[in-house]
N, C-alpha and C. Protein backbone atom coordinates (compact mmCIF):
# COMPACT_ATOMS: atom_id res chain seq x y z
N MET A 1 -19.54 3.98 -0.88
CA MET A 1 -18.55 3.34 -0.05
C MET A 1 -17.19 3.97 -0.30
N ARG A 2 -16.44 4.19 0.78
CA ARG A 2 -15.14 4.82 0.69
C ARG A 2 -14.12 3.84 0.12
N THR A 3 -13.27 4.32 -0.80
CA THR A 3 -12.23 3.50 -1.39
C THR A 3 -10.89 3.90 -0.81
N VAL A 4 -10.26 2.98 -0.10
CA VAL A 4 -8.95 3.22 0.48
C VAL A 4 -7.98 2.23 -0.17
N LEU A 5 -6.95 2.76 -0.82
CA LEU A 5 -5.92 1.91 -1.41
C LEU A 5 -4.72 1.88 -0.47
N ILE A 6 -4.20 0.68 -0.24
CA ILE A 6 -3.03 0.49 0.60
C ILE A 6 -1.91 -0.03 -0.29
N LEU A 7 -0.99 0.86 -0.65
CA LEU A 7 0.14 0.51 -1.50
C LEU A 7 1.20 -0.12 -0.60
N LEU A 8 1.48 -1.39 -0.84
CA LEU A 8 2.30 -2.16 0.08
C LEU A 8 3.58 -2.68 -0.58
N ASP A 9 4.72 -2.25 -0.04
CA ASP A 9 6.02 -2.75 -0.47
C ASP A 9 6.24 -4.12 0.19
N VAL A 10 7.24 -4.84 -0.28
CA VAL A 10 7.53 -6.16 0.28
C VAL A 10 8.86 -6.15 1.04
N ASP A 11 9.99 -5.92 0.33
CA ASP A 11 11.29 -5.90 1.01
C ASP A 11 11.34 -4.74 2.00
N GLY A 12 11.85 -5.00 3.18
CA GLY A 12 11.96 -3.94 4.18
C GLY A 12 10.66 -3.66 4.89
N VAL A 13 9.56 -4.21 4.40
CA VAL A 13 8.25 -4.03 5.03
C VAL A 13 7.74 -5.39 5.51
N LEU A 14 7.69 -6.36 4.60
CA LEU A 14 7.24 -7.70 4.97
C LEU A 14 8.41 -8.64 5.23
N ASN A 15 9.59 -8.28 4.74
CA ASN A 15 10.81 -9.05 4.95
C ASN A 15 10.61 -10.55 4.76
N PRO A 16 10.23 -10.95 3.54
CA PRO A 16 9.94 -12.37 3.30
C PRO A 16 11.20 -13.22 3.17
N ARG A 17 11.00 -14.50 3.30
CA ARG A 17 12.00 -15.48 2.89
C ARG A 17 11.61 -15.87 1.47
N VAL A 18 12.58 -16.22 0.66
CA VAL A 18 12.30 -16.56 -0.72
C VAL A 18 12.52 -18.05 -0.92
N ASP A 19 11.52 -18.68 -1.54
CA ASP A 19 11.61 -20.10 -1.88
C ASP A 19 11.11 -20.24 -3.31
N GLY A 20 12.04 -20.17 -4.27
CA GLY A 20 11.66 -20.24 -5.68
C GLY A 20 10.81 -19.04 -6.07
N GLN A 21 9.58 -19.31 -6.51
CA GLN A 21 8.67 -18.25 -6.92
C GLN A 21 7.79 -17.76 -5.77
N ARG A 22 8.06 -18.24 -4.57
CA ARG A 22 7.23 -17.89 -3.41
C ARG A 22 7.97 -16.97 -2.45
N LEU A 23 7.23 -15.98 -1.96
CA LEU A 23 7.71 -15.11 -0.89
C LEU A 23 7.00 -15.59 0.37
N LEU A 24 7.76 -16.07 1.33
CA LEU A 24 7.18 -16.67 2.53
C LEU A 24 7.27 -15.70 3.70
N LEU A 25 6.14 -15.49 4.36
CA LEU A 25 6.08 -14.60 5.52
C LEU A 25 5.86 -15.43 6.78
N ASP A 26 6.42 -14.94 7.89
CA ASP A 26 6.13 -15.63 9.14
C ASP A 26 4.67 -15.36 9.53
N ALA A 27 4.11 -16.19 10.40
CA ALA A 27 2.69 -16.12 10.73
C ALA A 27 2.27 -14.74 11.27
N PRO A 28 3.03 -14.13 12.18
CA PRO A 28 2.60 -12.79 12.66
C PRO A 28 2.53 -11.75 11.54
N ARG A 29 3.47 -11.81 10.58
CA ARG A 29 3.47 -10.86 9.46
C ARG A 29 2.29 -11.13 8.54
N GLN A 30 1.96 -12.41 8.34
CA GLN A 30 0.78 -12.75 7.56
C GLN A 30 -0.47 -12.13 8.19
N ASP A 31 -0.57 -12.22 9.49
CA ASP A 31 -1.73 -11.66 10.19
C ASP A 31 -1.80 -10.14 10.01
N LEU A 32 -0.66 -9.48 10.03
CA LEU A 32 -0.64 -8.02 9.83
C LEU A 32 -1.14 -7.65 8.44
N VAL A 33 -0.71 -8.40 7.44
CA VAL A 33 -1.16 -8.11 6.06
C VAL A 33 -2.67 -8.36 5.95
N ARG A 34 -3.15 -9.41 6.56
CA ARG A 34 -4.59 -9.68 6.53
C ARG A 34 -5.37 -8.59 7.24
N ARG A 35 -4.83 -8.05 8.32
CA ARG A 35 -5.49 -6.92 9.00
C ARG A 35 -5.54 -5.70 8.08
N LEU A 36 -4.46 -5.46 7.36
CA LEU A 36 -4.46 -4.35 6.40
C LEU A 36 -5.53 -4.56 5.34
N ALA A 37 -5.65 -5.79 4.85
CA ALA A 37 -6.62 -6.09 3.79
C ALA A 37 -8.05 -5.85 4.26
N GLU A 38 -8.30 -5.90 5.55
CA GLU A 38 -9.63 -5.61 6.09
C GLU A 38 -9.90 -4.11 6.11
N LEU A 39 -8.84 -3.31 6.02
CA LEU A 39 -8.97 -1.86 6.11
C LEU A 39 -9.06 -1.17 4.76
N GLY A 40 -8.62 -1.84 3.71
CA GLY A 40 -8.63 -1.24 2.37
C GLY A 40 -8.18 -2.26 1.36
N SER A 41 -8.01 -1.81 0.13
CA SER A 41 -7.58 -2.68 -0.96
C SER A 41 -6.07 -2.64 -1.08
N ILE A 42 -5.45 -3.79 -0.90
CA ILE A 42 -3.99 -3.90 -1.03
C ILE A 42 -3.62 -3.77 -2.51
N VAL A 43 -2.57 -3.00 -2.77
CA VAL A 43 -1.96 -2.88 -4.09
C VAL A 43 -0.47 -3.11 -3.87
N TRP A 44 0.08 -4.11 -4.55
CA TRP A 44 1.51 -4.37 -4.39
C TRP A 44 2.31 -3.24 -5.02
N ALA A 45 3.16 -2.60 -4.22
CA ALA A 45 4.03 -1.51 -4.68
C ALA A 45 5.46 -1.98 -4.44
N THR A 46 5.85 -3.00 -5.18
CA THR A 46 7.13 -3.65 -4.99
C THR A 46 7.78 -3.93 -6.33
N THR A 47 9.08 -4.10 -6.30
CA THR A 47 9.80 -4.46 -7.51
C THR A 47 9.87 -5.98 -7.69
N TRP A 48 9.31 -6.75 -6.77
CA TRP A 48 9.21 -8.19 -6.98
C TRP A 48 8.34 -8.45 -8.19
N SER A 49 8.58 -9.56 -8.85
CA SER A 49 7.86 -9.88 -10.09
C SER A 49 6.38 -10.15 -9.83
N PRO A 50 5.56 -9.97 -10.86
CA PRO A 50 4.13 -10.31 -10.74
C PRO A 50 3.92 -11.78 -10.35
N THR A 51 4.83 -12.65 -10.75
CA THR A 51 4.71 -14.06 -10.36
C THR A 51 4.83 -14.19 -8.84
N HIS A 52 5.81 -13.50 -8.27
CA HIS A 52 5.98 -13.54 -6.81
C HIS A 52 4.76 -12.97 -6.10
N THR A 53 4.28 -11.82 -6.55
CA THR A 53 3.14 -11.21 -5.86
C THR A 53 1.85 -12.01 -6.10
N PHE A 54 1.74 -12.68 -7.24
CA PHE A 54 0.58 -13.55 -7.48
C PHE A 54 0.54 -14.65 -6.43
N HIS A 55 1.68 -15.32 -6.23
CA HIS A 55 1.73 -16.39 -5.24
C HIS A 55 1.52 -15.84 -3.83
N LEU A 56 2.09 -14.70 -3.54
CA LEU A 56 1.92 -14.10 -2.22
C LEU A 56 0.45 -13.76 -1.96
N THR A 57 -0.21 -13.22 -2.97
CA THR A 57 -1.63 -12.91 -2.88
C THR A 57 -2.43 -14.17 -2.55
N ARG A 58 -2.16 -15.22 -3.29
CA ARG A 58 -2.88 -16.49 -3.06
C ARG A 58 -2.55 -17.09 -1.70
N ASP A 59 -1.28 -17.09 -1.34
CA ASP A 59 -0.86 -17.68 -0.07
C ASP A 59 -1.47 -16.94 1.13
N LEU A 60 -1.70 -15.65 0.98
CA LEU A 60 -2.29 -14.85 2.07
C LEU A 60 -3.82 -14.88 2.04
N GLY A 61 -4.39 -15.42 0.96
CA GLY A 61 -5.84 -15.44 0.85
C GLY A 61 -6.43 -14.08 0.53
N LEU A 62 -5.65 -13.22 -0.12
CA LEU A 62 -6.15 -11.90 -0.51
C LEU A 62 -7.04 -12.02 -1.73
N ALA A 63 -7.76 -10.97 -2.04
CA ALA A 63 -8.66 -10.96 -3.19
C ALA A 63 -7.89 -11.29 -4.46
N ALA A 64 -8.48 -12.11 -5.30
CA ALA A 64 -7.85 -12.54 -6.55
C ALA A 64 -7.53 -11.37 -7.46
N ASP A 65 -8.28 -10.27 -7.34
CA ASP A 65 -8.05 -9.11 -8.21
C ASP A 65 -7.07 -8.10 -7.59
N THR A 66 -6.29 -8.52 -6.59
CA THR A 66 -5.28 -7.64 -5.99
C THR A 66 -4.31 -7.20 -7.08
N GLU A 67 -4.16 -5.90 -7.20
CA GLU A 67 -3.32 -5.34 -8.26
C GLU A 67 -1.89 -5.12 -7.81
N GLY A 68 -1.06 -4.78 -8.76
CA GLY A 68 0.32 -4.41 -8.49
C GLY A 68 0.72 -3.28 -9.41
N ILE A 69 1.58 -2.41 -8.92
CA ILE A 69 2.11 -1.32 -9.75
C ILE A 69 3.34 -1.86 -10.47
N ALA A 70 3.40 -1.65 -11.77
CA ALA A 70 4.54 -2.12 -12.56
C ALA A 70 5.65 -1.07 -12.50
N PHE A 71 6.78 -1.48 -11.96
CA PHE A 71 7.95 -0.62 -11.91
C PHE A 71 8.95 -1.10 -12.95
N PRO A 72 9.78 -0.20 -13.47
CA PRO A 72 10.81 -0.63 -14.43
C PRO A 72 11.76 -1.63 -13.78
N ARG A 73 12.25 -2.55 -14.58
CA ARG A 73 13.17 -3.58 -14.07
C ARG A 73 14.44 -2.98 -13.47
N ASN A 74 14.89 -1.88 -14.01
CA ASN A 74 16.15 -1.29 -13.56
C ASN A 74 15.97 -0.28 -12.42
N LEU A 75 14.79 -0.24 -11.84
CA LEU A 75 14.54 0.68 -10.72
C LEU A 75 15.41 0.25 -9.55
N HIS A 76 16.23 1.15 -9.08
CA HIS A 76 17.11 0.82 -7.97
C HIS A 76 16.94 1.86 -6.88
N ALA A 77 16.73 1.39 -5.69
CA ALA A 77 16.60 2.29 -4.56
C ALA A 77 17.64 1.92 -3.51
N ASP A 78 18.61 2.77 -3.37
CA ASP A 78 19.65 2.56 -2.36
C ASP A 78 19.16 3.15 -1.05
N PRO A 79 18.91 2.33 -0.04
CA PRO A 79 18.36 2.84 1.21
C PRO A 79 19.26 3.86 1.90
N SER A 80 20.55 3.84 1.61
CA SER A 80 21.47 4.77 2.28
C SER A 80 21.65 6.07 1.50
N ALA A 81 21.18 6.13 0.27
CA ALA A 81 21.38 7.34 -0.55
C ALA A 81 20.27 8.35 -0.27
N PRO A 82 20.62 9.63 -0.26
CA PRO A 82 19.60 10.66 -0.03
C PRO A 82 18.83 11.02 -1.31
N ALA A 83 18.97 10.20 -2.32
CA ALA A 83 18.34 10.47 -3.62
C ALA A 83 16.81 10.50 -3.48
N PRO A 84 16.13 10.98 -4.49
CA PRO A 84 14.67 10.99 -4.46
C PRO A 84 14.10 9.57 -4.32
N THR A 85 12.84 9.50 -3.91
CA THR A 85 12.14 8.23 -3.77
C THR A 85 12.00 7.60 -5.15
N ALA A 86 12.64 6.48 -5.36
CA ALA A 86 12.69 5.85 -6.69
C ALA A 86 11.31 5.50 -7.23
N LYS A 87 10.39 5.08 -6.38
CA LYS A 87 9.07 4.63 -6.84
C LYS A 87 8.06 5.76 -7.01
N LEU A 88 8.36 6.95 -6.52
CA LEU A 88 7.36 8.02 -6.46
C LEU A 88 6.73 8.34 -7.81
N HIS A 89 7.52 8.53 -8.83
CA HIS A 89 6.99 8.86 -10.16
C HIS A 89 5.99 7.81 -10.61
N TRP A 90 6.34 6.54 -10.43
CA TRP A 90 5.52 5.44 -10.91
C TRP A 90 4.24 5.29 -10.08
N VAL A 91 4.36 5.53 -8.78
CA VAL A 91 3.17 5.49 -7.91
C VAL A 91 2.21 6.60 -8.28
N ALA A 92 2.71 7.82 -8.41
CA ALA A 92 1.86 8.96 -8.76
C ALA A 92 1.19 8.74 -10.12
N ARG A 93 1.95 8.24 -11.07
CA ARG A 93 1.41 7.96 -12.41
C ARG A 93 0.32 6.89 -12.35
N TRP A 94 0.55 5.83 -11.61
CA TRP A 94 -0.44 4.75 -11.48
C TRP A 94 -1.71 5.28 -10.81
N LEU A 95 -1.55 6.05 -9.75
CA LEU A 95 -2.72 6.59 -9.05
C LEU A 95 -3.53 7.53 -9.95
N ALA A 96 -2.84 8.33 -10.76
CA ALA A 96 -3.54 9.27 -11.64
C ALA A 96 -4.42 8.56 -12.65
N ARG A 97 -4.10 7.31 -12.97
CA ARG A 97 -4.85 6.55 -13.97
C ARG A 97 -6.02 5.75 -13.38
N GLN A 98 -6.19 5.80 -12.08
CA GLN A 98 -7.24 4.99 -11.46
C GLN A 98 -8.62 5.60 -11.69
N GLU A 99 -9.55 4.77 -12.06
CA GLU A 99 -10.95 5.16 -12.24
C GLU A 99 -11.83 4.15 -11.55
N PRO A 100 -12.63 4.56 -10.62
CA PRO A 100 -12.66 5.90 -10.04
C PRO A 100 -11.45 6.15 -9.15
N GLN A 101 -11.20 7.40 -8.89
CA GLN A 101 -10.09 7.76 -8.03
C GLN A 101 -10.39 7.31 -6.59
N PRO A 102 -9.38 6.83 -5.87
CA PRO A 102 -9.60 6.43 -4.49
C PRO A 102 -9.88 7.64 -3.60
N ASP A 103 -10.58 7.39 -2.51
CA ASP A 103 -10.86 8.45 -1.55
C ASP A 103 -9.66 8.75 -0.66
N ALA A 104 -8.82 7.73 -0.45
CA ALA A 104 -7.64 7.89 0.40
C ALA A 104 -6.58 6.89 -0.05
N VAL A 105 -5.32 7.23 0.24
CA VAL A 105 -4.20 6.37 -0.12
C VAL A 105 -3.29 6.24 1.09
N ILE A 106 -2.85 5.01 1.32
CA ILE A 106 -1.86 4.72 2.35
C ILE A 106 -0.71 4.03 1.63
N TRP A 107 0.49 4.57 1.75
CA TRP A 107 1.65 4.00 1.08
C TRP A 107 2.61 3.53 2.17
N ILE A 108 2.86 2.23 2.20
CA ILE A 108 3.73 1.62 3.20
C ILE A 108 5.00 1.13 2.49
N ASP A 109 6.12 1.79 2.79
CA ASP A 109 7.38 1.47 2.14
C ASP A 109 8.51 1.86 3.08
N ASP A 110 9.59 1.09 3.07
CA ASP A 110 10.72 1.41 3.93
C ASP A 110 11.61 2.50 3.36
N ILE A 111 11.42 2.86 2.09
CA ILE A 111 12.24 3.92 1.48
C ILE A 111 11.32 5.02 0.94
N LEU A 112 11.05 5.98 1.81
CA LEU A 112 10.25 7.15 1.44
C LEU A 112 11.06 8.39 1.83
N ARG A 113 11.38 9.19 0.86
CA ARG A 113 12.22 10.37 1.08
C ARG A 113 11.35 11.63 1.23
N GLN A 114 12.03 12.75 1.39
CA GLN A 114 11.32 14.02 1.55
C GLN A 114 10.43 14.34 0.36
N ASP A 115 10.82 13.93 -0.85
CA ASP A 115 9.98 14.19 -2.01
C ASP A 115 8.64 13.46 -1.89
N ALA A 116 8.64 12.27 -1.32
CA ALA A 116 7.39 11.54 -1.11
C ALA A 116 6.55 12.21 -0.03
N VAL A 117 7.20 12.70 1.00
CA VAL A 117 6.48 13.42 2.07
C VAL A 117 5.82 14.68 1.49
N SER A 118 6.55 15.42 0.67
CA SER A 118 5.99 16.63 0.04
C SER A 118 4.85 16.27 -0.90
N TRP A 119 5.01 15.21 -1.67
CA TRP A 119 3.95 14.75 -2.57
C TRP A 119 2.69 14.41 -1.79
N ALA A 120 2.84 13.63 -0.71
CA ALA A 120 1.68 13.22 0.09
C ALA A 120 0.98 14.44 0.69
N ALA A 121 1.74 15.41 1.15
CA ALA A 121 1.15 16.61 1.75
C ALA A 121 0.39 17.44 0.71
N ALA A 122 0.82 17.38 -0.54
CA ALA A 122 0.19 18.17 -1.60
C ALA A 122 -1.01 17.46 -2.24
N GLU A 123 -1.19 16.17 -1.96
CA GLU A 123 -2.30 15.41 -2.54
C GLU A 123 -3.64 15.99 -2.08
N ALA A 124 -4.59 16.05 -3.00
CA ALA A 124 -5.93 16.53 -2.65
C ALA A 124 -6.65 15.52 -1.76
N ARG A 125 -6.42 14.25 -2.00
CA ARG A 125 -7.06 13.22 -1.17
C ARG A 125 -6.18 12.94 0.04
N PRO A 126 -6.77 12.50 1.14
CA PRO A 126 -5.96 12.14 2.30
C PRO A 126 -4.96 11.04 1.92
N THR A 127 -3.69 11.26 2.28
CA THR A 127 -2.62 10.34 1.94
C THR A 127 -1.72 10.16 3.16
N LEU A 128 -1.54 8.91 3.55
CA LEU A 128 -0.70 8.58 4.69
C LEU A 128 0.52 7.81 4.21
N LEU A 129 1.69 8.22 4.66
CA LEU A 129 2.91 7.47 4.41
C LEU A 129 3.30 6.76 5.69
N VAL A 130 3.60 5.48 5.57
CA VAL A 130 4.07 4.68 6.70
C VAL A 130 5.41 4.11 6.30
N GLN A 131 6.44 4.39 7.11
CA GLN A 131 7.79 3.97 6.76
C GLN A 131 8.38 3.09 7.87
N PRO A 132 8.18 1.77 7.75
CA PRO A 132 8.77 0.87 8.73
C PRO A 132 10.30 0.88 8.64
N ASP A 133 10.94 0.61 9.75
CA ASP A 133 12.38 0.39 9.77
C ASP A 133 12.64 -0.89 8.98
N MET A 134 13.52 -0.85 8.00
CA MET A 134 13.74 -2.00 7.12
C MET A 134 14.26 -3.22 7.87
N ASN A 135 14.89 -3.02 9.01
CA ASN A 135 15.40 -4.15 9.78
C ASN A 135 14.33 -4.81 10.64
N ILE A 136 13.23 -4.12 10.84
CA ILE A 136 12.14 -4.64 11.67
C ILE A 136 10.92 -4.98 10.82
N GLY A 137 10.60 -4.10 9.88
CA GLY A 137 9.45 -4.32 9.02
C GLY A 137 8.16 -3.86 9.66
N LEU A 138 7.06 -4.26 9.05
CA LEU A 138 5.71 -3.88 9.46
C LEU A 138 5.42 -4.41 10.86
N THR A 139 4.81 -3.56 11.69
CA THR A 139 4.47 -3.95 13.06
C THR A 139 2.99 -3.65 13.33
N ALA A 140 2.50 -4.16 14.44
CA ALA A 140 1.12 -3.88 14.85
C ALA A 140 0.92 -2.38 15.07
N ALA A 141 1.94 -1.67 15.54
CA ALA A 141 1.83 -0.22 15.74
C ALA A 141 1.57 0.49 14.41
N HIS A 142 2.17 0.01 13.32
CA HIS A 142 1.90 0.60 12.00
C HIS A 142 0.44 0.38 11.61
N ILE A 143 -0.09 -0.81 11.88
CA ILE A 143 -1.49 -1.09 11.56
C ILE A 143 -2.39 -0.18 12.39
N ASP A 144 -2.03 0.04 13.64
CA ASP A 144 -2.80 0.95 14.49
C ASP A 144 -2.81 2.36 13.90
N ASP A 145 -1.67 2.82 13.37
CA ASP A 145 -1.59 4.14 12.72
C ASP A 145 -2.53 4.20 11.52
N VAL A 146 -2.55 3.13 10.73
CA VAL A 146 -3.42 3.07 9.56
C VAL A 146 -4.89 3.11 10.01
N GLN A 147 -5.24 2.37 11.04
CA GLN A 147 -6.61 2.37 11.55
C GLN A 147 -7.03 3.76 12.02
N ARG A 148 -6.15 4.46 12.75
CA ARG A 148 -6.47 5.82 13.21
C ARG A 148 -6.67 6.77 12.03
N PHE A 149 -5.81 6.65 11.02
CA PHE A 149 -5.92 7.48 9.83
C PHE A 149 -7.28 7.26 9.16
N ILE A 150 -7.66 6.02 8.98
CA ILE A 150 -8.93 5.69 8.33
C ILE A 150 -10.11 6.17 9.18
N ALA A 151 -10.00 6.04 10.49
CA ALA A 151 -11.08 6.47 11.38
C ALA A 151 -11.31 7.98 11.29
N ARG A 152 -10.26 8.73 10.97
CA ARG A 152 -10.38 10.20 10.87
C ARG A 152 -10.90 10.67 9.52
N LEU A 153 -11.00 9.77 8.55
CA LEU A 153 -11.49 10.18 7.23
C LEU A 153 -12.94 10.63 7.32
N VAL A 154 -13.27 11.66 6.58
CA VAL A 154 -14.64 12.13 6.52
C VAL A 154 -15.45 11.08 5.77
N PRO A 155 -16.56 10.64 6.35
CA PRO A 155 -17.37 9.64 5.65
C PRO A 155 -17.84 10.19 4.30
N THR A 156 -17.89 9.30 3.32
CA THR A 156 -18.39 9.71 2.02
C THR A 156 -19.91 9.80 2.10
N ASP A 157 -20.46 10.70 1.33
CA ASP A 157 -21.92 10.84 1.32
C ASP A 157 -22.54 9.61 0.68
N THR A 158 -23.59 9.15 1.26
CA THR A 158 -24.32 8.04 0.66
C THR A 158 -25.50 8.64 -0.08
N PRO A 159 -25.73 8.18 -1.30
CA PRO A 159 -26.84 8.74 -2.06
C PRO A 159 -28.16 8.44 -1.36
N THR A 160 -29.01 9.43 -1.40
CA THR A 160 -30.33 9.27 -0.82
C THR A 160 -31.23 8.57 -1.81
N ASN A 161 -31.97 7.62 -1.33
CA ASN A 161 -32.92 6.92 -2.17
C ASN A 161 -34.16 7.81 -2.33
N PRO A 162 -34.44 8.31 -3.53
CA PRO A 162 -35.57 9.24 -3.72
C PRO A 162 -36.89 8.60 -3.35
N ARG A 163 -37.01 7.31 -3.45
CA ARG A 163 -38.26 6.64 -3.12
C ARG A 163 -38.54 6.63 -1.63
N SER A 164 -37.49 6.78 -0.83
CA SER A 164 -37.70 6.73 0.61
C SER A 164 -38.12 8.08 1.17
N GLU A 165 -38.02 9.12 0.36
CA GLU A 165 -38.44 10.46 0.82
C GLU A 165 -39.91 10.65 0.49
N SER A 166 -40.66 11.13 1.47
CA SER A 166 -42.09 11.39 1.24
C SER A 166 -42.43 12.80 1.49
């Protein structure tokens, strides 16, 4: 079975409202995240705390084992600065440690710079970057892009059952 990881940012992508330890999404945005979860395994790629993403995972009905990438507390990404993608080092490091390695990666973040584009192009596995406008966030068109990307992936070989060969 093909493993597709969907690295999902929160601010600028899901644009939640905050209520204590909860990140609240409007119903259409909830539906978009659930559609993504049907296409691959969501991995939180956000600087929000694990407590926030834990509640968000539960509130959306995502798999209990939904992971998150740990970013340093002082990670700062200024959307207007042309600086490198602040999360790139940590994303690449987290992906390198995955066992087994995913067959494809989709990274959805509102702040992806040229260094992230170059990294994605150099990846051996198919890698898609999706960069929503931070003022609009994730849209159905982005989900359509993800679906097309996944549809173009080469199917993984399924092992042949030796007993079925005569």
